[in-house]
Amino acid sequence: MFDKVREYIDDNRFKITIYEDRIHVINYEKIISLEEERIVFLTKNKKIIVHGQNMHLNRLLDEELLIYGIILKIEVENV
């Protein structure tokens, strides 16, 4: 059991989980742009662009975000 907890804590891979009205992001690098209809952030080698409506952001931890709103489209670009 402790190995699974340690693995979760030490995991530094980028993860994104999409729900109906929110997106949970883990291990991002930097927020580039924050607007009501567009949020842009960087991972180690990708730029993620989230398009939507009435979006707002809750920063949970240093490397963890929760984006709320109506999610319309998510783009991923190599950097």
N, C-alpha and C. Protein backbone atom coordinates (compact mmCIF):
# COMPACT_ATOMS: atom_id res chain seq x y z
N MET A 1 0.83 -1.19 0.00
CA MET A 1 0.00 0.00 0.00
C MET A 1 0.87 1.26 0.00
N PHE A 2 1.92 1.26 0.81
CA PHE A 2 2.79 2.43 0.88
C PHE A 2 3.52 2.67 -0.44
N ASP A 3 3.81 1.61 -1.18
CA ASP A 3 4.46 1.77 -2.47
C ASP A 3 3.56 2.53 -3.45
N LYS A 4 2.26 2.24 -3.42
CA LYS A 4 1.32 2.94 -4.30
C LYS A 4 1.21 4.42 -3.92
N VAL A 5 1.20 4.72 -2.65
CA VAL A 5 1.15 6.11 -2.19
C VAL A 5 2.43 6.84 -2.60
N ARG A 6 3.57 6.21 -2.39
CA ARG A 6 4.85 6.81 -2.77
C ARG A 6 4.92 7.04 -4.27
N GLU A 7 4.45 6.07 -5.04
CA GLU A 7 4.44 6.19 -6.50
C GLU A 7 3.59 7.39 -6.93
N TYR A 8 2.43 7.58 -6.30
CA TYR A 8 1.55 8.71 -6.61
C TYR A 8 2.23 10.03 -6.26
N ILE A 9 2.86 10.10 -5.13
CA ILE A 9 3.50 11.34 -4.67
C ILE A 9 4.71 11.69 -5.54
N ASP A 10 5.49 10.70 -5.92
CA ASP A 10 6.72 10.93 -6.68
C ASP A 10 6.49 11.04 -8.19
N ASP A 11 5.31 10.79 -8.65
CA ASP A 11 5.02 10.81 -10.08
C ASP A 11 5.04 12.25 -10.59
N ASN A 12 5.88 12.54 -11.58
CA ASN A 12 5.98 13.91 -12.09
C ASN A 12 5.57 14.01 -13.55
N ARG A 13 4.82 13.03 -14.05
CA ARG A 13 4.34 13.08 -15.42
C ARG A 13 3.14 14.02 -15.53
N PHE A 14 3.02 14.66 -16.68
CA PHE A 14 1.87 15.52 -16.95
C PHE A 14 0.63 14.65 -17.10
N LYS A 15 -0.46 15.08 -16.45
CA LYS A 15 -1.74 14.37 -16.56
C LYS A 15 -2.85 15.40 -16.69
N ILE A 16 -3.82 15.07 -17.51
CA ILE A 16 -5.00 15.93 -17.64
C ILE A 16 -6.22 15.01 -17.62
N THR A 17 -7.19 15.35 -16.77
CA THR A 17 -8.42 14.59 -16.66
C THR A 17 -9.57 15.53 -17.00
N ILE A 18 -10.39 15.12 -17.94
CA ILE A 18 -11.48 15.97 -18.44
C ILE A 18 -12.80 15.44 -17.89
N TYR A 19 -13.52 16.32 -17.22
CA TYR A 19 -14.86 16.02 -16.72
C TYR A 19 -15.86 16.87 -17.50
N GLU A 20 -17.11 16.74 -17.21
CA GLU A 20 -18.14 17.47 -17.95
C GLU A 20 -17.98 18.99 -17.81
N ASP A 21 -17.69 19.47 -16.61
CA ASP A 21 -17.65 20.91 -16.38
C ASP A 21 -16.32 21.40 -15.82
N ARG A 22 -15.28 20.56 -15.88
CA ARG A 22 -13.99 20.97 -15.35
C ARG A 22 -12.87 20.10 -15.92
N ILE A 23 -11.66 20.61 -15.79
CA ILE A 23 -10.46 19.89 -16.20
C ILE A 23 -9.48 19.91 -15.04
N HIS A 24 -8.94 18.77 -14.71
CA HIS A 24 -7.95 18.66 -13.64
C HIS A 24 -6.59 18.43 -14.30
N VAL A 25 -5.62 19.29 -14.00
CA VAL A 25 -4.29 19.25 -14.62
C VAL A 25 -3.26 19.00 -13.52
N ILE A 26 -2.36 18.05 -13.76
CA ILE A 26 -1.30 17.76 -12.80
C ILE A 26 0.05 17.85 -13.53
N ASN A 27 1.01 18.47 -12.87
CA ASN A 27 2.39 18.60 -13.35
C ASN A 27 2.53 19.47 -14.59
N TYR A 28 1.93 20.64 -14.56
CA TYR A 28 2.15 21.62 -15.60
C TYR A 28 3.35 22.47 -15.19
N GLU A 29 3.89 23.24 -16.13
CA GLU A 29 5.06 24.06 -15.84
C GLU A 29 4.70 25.52 -15.52
N LYS A 30 3.88 26.12 -16.42
CA LYS A 30 3.65 27.57 -16.32
C LYS A 30 2.34 27.94 -16.99
N ILE A 31 1.61 28.89 -16.41
CA ILE A 31 0.40 29.44 -17.03
C ILE A 31 0.85 30.60 -17.91
N ILE A 32 0.46 30.57 -19.18
CA ILE A 32 0.84 31.60 -20.14
C ILE A 32 -0.23 32.66 -20.27
N SER A 33 -1.48 32.24 -20.36
CA SER A 33 -2.59 33.16 -20.60
C SER A 33 -3.81 32.68 -19.82
N LEU A 34 -4.51 33.61 -19.22
CA LEU A 34 -5.70 33.28 -18.45
C LEU A 34 -6.80 34.26 -18.80
N GLU A 35 -7.77 33.79 -19.58
CA GLU A 35 -8.91 34.58 -20.01
C GLU A 35 -10.18 33.76 -19.78
N GLU A 36 -11.31 34.42 -19.82
CA GLU A 36 -12.58 33.74 -19.57
C GLU A 36 -12.91 32.71 -20.65
N GLU A 37 -12.40 32.93 -21.88
CA GLU A 37 -12.70 32.01 -22.98
C GLU A 37 -11.49 31.22 -23.47
N ARG A 38 -10.31 31.45 -22.84
CA ARG A 38 -9.10 30.76 -23.29
C ARG A 38 -8.07 30.72 -22.17
N ILE A 39 -7.57 29.54 -21.87
CA ILE A 39 -6.50 29.37 -20.88
C ILE A 39 -5.38 28.60 -21.56
N VAL A 40 -4.15 29.13 -21.45
CA VAL A 40 -2.99 28.51 -22.08
C VAL A 40 -1.95 28.23 -21.00
N PHE A 41 -1.41 27.00 -21.02
CA PHE A 41 -0.35 26.67 -20.08
C PHE A 41 0.65 25.73 -20.74
N LEU A 42 1.83 25.65 -20.15
CA LEU A 42 2.91 24.83 -20.69
C LEU A 42 3.16 23.62 -19.82
N THR A 43 3.55 22.53 -20.47
CA THR A 43 4.12 21.38 -19.79
C THR A 43 5.59 21.36 -20.20
N LYS A 44 6.29 20.30 -19.93
CA LYS A 44 7.72 20.25 -20.28
C LYS A 44 7.96 20.38 -21.77
N ASN A 45 7.09 19.82 -22.60
CA ASN A 45 7.31 19.86 -24.05
C ASN A 45 6.04 20.13 -24.86
N LYS A 46 5.00 20.58 -24.22
CA LYS A 46 3.73 20.85 -24.90
C LYS A 46 3.14 22.18 -24.45
N LYS A 47 2.38 22.80 -25.35
CA LYS A 47 1.56 23.95 -25.00
C LYS A 47 0.11 23.49 -25.09
N ILE A 48 -0.64 23.67 -24.02
CA ILE A 48 -2.05 23.24 -23.95
C ILE A 48 -2.92 24.49 -23.99
N ILE A 49 -3.87 24.51 -24.91
CA ILE A 49 -4.79 25.63 -25.06
C ILE A 49 -6.21 25.10 -24.83
N VAL A 50 -6.86 25.64 -23.82
CA VAL A 50 -8.23 25.23 -23.48
C VAL A 50 -9.17 26.36 -23.89
N HIS A 51 -10.11 26.05 -24.77
CA HIS A 51 -11.12 27.02 -25.22
C HIS A 51 -12.44 26.69 -24.54
N GLY A 52 -13.16 27.71 -24.14
CA GLY A 52 -14.43 27.47 -23.49
C GLY A 52 -15.17 28.76 -23.20
N GLN A 53 -16.11 28.67 -22.29
CA GLN A 53 -16.92 29.82 -21.88
C GLN A 53 -16.99 29.85 -20.36
N ASN A 54 -17.00 31.07 -19.83
CA ASN A 54 -17.11 31.28 -18.38
C ASN A 54 -16.10 30.44 -17.59
N MET A 55 -14.90 30.34 -18.10
CA MET A 55 -13.90 29.51 -17.42
C MET A 55 -13.22 30.32 -16.32
N HIS A 56 -12.93 29.64 -15.24
CA HIS A 56 -12.13 30.21 -14.17
C HIS A 56 -11.23 29.12 -13.61
N LEU A 57 -10.24 29.54 -12.90
CA LEU A 57 -9.16 28.65 -12.51
C LEU A 57 -9.02 28.61 -11.01
N ASN A 58 -8.86 27.42 -10.47
CA ASN A 58 -8.48 27.22 -9.08
C ASN A 58 -7.11 26.56 -9.09
N ARG A 59 -6.17 27.19 -8.45
CA ARG A 59 -4.84 26.59 -8.34
C ARG A 59 -4.82 25.80 -7.05
N LEU A 60 -4.69 24.51 -7.17
CA LEU A 60 -4.75 23.63 -6.00
C LEU A 60 -3.40 23.53 -5.32
N LEU A 61 -2.36 23.27 -6.08
CA LEU A 61 -1.00 23.17 -5.58
C LEU A 61 -0.07 23.84 -6.59
N ASP A 62 1.22 23.85 -6.31
CA ASP A 62 2.17 24.50 -7.22
C ASP A 62 2.09 23.95 -8.64
N GLU A 63 1.84 22.67 -8.80
CA GLU A 63 1.83 22.05 -10.12
C GLU A 63 0.48 21.41 -10.45
N GLU A 64 -0.59 21.90 -9.83
CA GLU A 64 -1.91 21.29 -10.02
C GLU A 64 -2.96 22.38 -10.20
N LEU A 65 -3.79 22.24 -11.23
CA LEU A 65 -4.84 23.21 -11.55
C LEU A 65 -6.18 22.51 -11.66
N LEU A 66 -7.23 23.28 -11.42
CA LEU A 66 -8.59 22.84 -11.68
C LEU A 66 -9.26 23.98 -12.45
N ILE A 67 -9.65 23.70 -13.69
CA ILE A 67 -10.28 24.69 -14.57
C ILE A 67 -11.77 24.37 -14.62
N TYR A 68 -12.59 25.35 -14.23
CA TYR A 68 -14.05 25.20 -14.26
C TYR A 68 -14.62 25.99 -15.43
N GLY A 69 -15.74 25.55 -15.96
CA GLY A 69 -16.44 26.27 -17.00
C GLY A 69 -16.97 25.33 -18.06
N ILE A 70 -17.42 25.92 -19.15
CA ILE A 70 -17.91 25.14 -20.29
C ILE A 70 -16.71 24.92 -21.22
N ILE A 71 -16.24 23.70 -21.31
CA ILE A 71 -15.07 23.37 -22.11
C ILE A 71 -15.52 23.03 -23.53
N LEU A 72 -15.02 23.77 -24.50
CA LEU A 72 -15.42 23.56 -25.89
C LEU A 72 -14.37 22.79 -26.68
N LYS A 73 -13.09 23.08 -26.43
CA LYS A 73 -12.04 22.46 -27.23
C LYS A 73 -10.71 22.53 -26.47
N ILE A 74 -9.88 21.51 -26.66
CA ILE A 74 -8.54 21.50 -26.09
C ILE A 74 -7.55 21.23 -27.22
N GLU A 75 -6.57 22.12 -27.34
CA GLU A 75 -5.53 21.96 -28.35
C GLU A 75 -4.20 21.64 -27.67
N VAL A 76 -3.40 20.79 -28.32
CA VAL A 76 -2.08 20.44 -27.81
C VAL A 76 -1.07 20.72 -28.91
N GLU A 77 -0.05 21.53 -28.60
CA GLU A 77 0.99 21.88 -29.56
C GLU A 77 2.35 21.49 -29.00
N ASN A 78 3.22 20.97 -29.84
CA ASN A 78 4.60 20.70 -29.43
C ASN A 78 5.36 22.01 -29.33
N VAL A 79 6.24 22.12 -28.34
CA VAL A 79 7.09 23.32 -28.21
C VAL A 79 8.54 22.94 -28.19
